[in-house]
Amino acid sequence: MKILITGAGGQLGTALRNELQKHHLLPLGHEKLDVTNFEAVRSAVDSLGPDLIINCAAYNNVDGAESDQESAFRLNSLAPRNLAVASFANDIPLLHVSTDYVFDGLSDRPYHEFDRPNPISVYAKSKLAGEIAVASLNPRHYLVRTSWLYHFAPASARNFPKTMLGLAGKDQVNVVSDQFGSPTFVPHLAQAIGDLIETNAFGLYHLAGSGFTSWYELTRTLFRLFDIKTFVNPVSTAEFPRPAARPGFSALTTLQDPGIVLPHWETGLSEFAAGLK
């Protein structure tokens, strides 16, 4: 299968290039394809002739989106719209990656695919708009919601565990203890996407690390894996204000068939630590 990967230089794009080596890959980073430019997207799809597009391009600065709404909506809404139109015109499927943040966090159980989104930040609203564009413009779509992504590659990748390790020289770090989600090791997500695209079972899927935890417990587990003695101090969201609202509980689970279940988040964190070491 010939697969066009947009946003190929990021964490997920890097992992997919490793996971999908049996396929003919066409990886395009932002420097090679501006996915917010419809003519550029249409030209690339027409000339390269892929059998599938996987969109990893995204605006992921949750706080930055509050003051730069245009950038967030261009990358998270307009870009998937462009890819949906171009892929539909060429009669090929599109896989688009979205987020747990489309939910408001008021649930008392993990969210499944049939729960109704209710975004509470600009970032989340832009991601939901991208989902709607893909679902409405190309029936042959895979929509993949995931959560709290992290990877040790590429070296330039920014994510929560790397940030916490960068603070490990301090005596104490303050970490929010009342936000819960499903941390996802990116290679596990890439493997799940590889399985999904073999099914031709189009639709919406939640693919995230099994189980859930808080940022606080995630940090404590990470520090134990690296034998870091820095004290982790639990703080509330109210004590650690940010420009964008976050859902208090956004863990994901799946009800879909085929049921593709990722390893437990602690397994992912252990593999992350081993890879980084």
Foldseek 3Di string as FASTA:
>chain_A
DEEEEEQLQADLNVLLCVQVVVHNYHYDYCVRAVLLDLVRLLVCCVVVVGQEYEYPFADDPQQVCQVVLVVRLSGQANSLLSNLQSCQVSVHEYEYEAELQQAQQPDPDADEPPDDGDHQGSNSVSNVNSVVSNVVRHVQYEYEYEYQEDAPPDVPYDGLLVVLVVVLVDQEDEFEFQAKEFYAYSSLVSNLVVVVVVPSPHDYGYEGAPDMGGSQVVSVLLCVLVVRNRHYHYDHCVVVDGNTDGRRYRYHAYPDPVHDYTHHSSVSSNVRSVVND
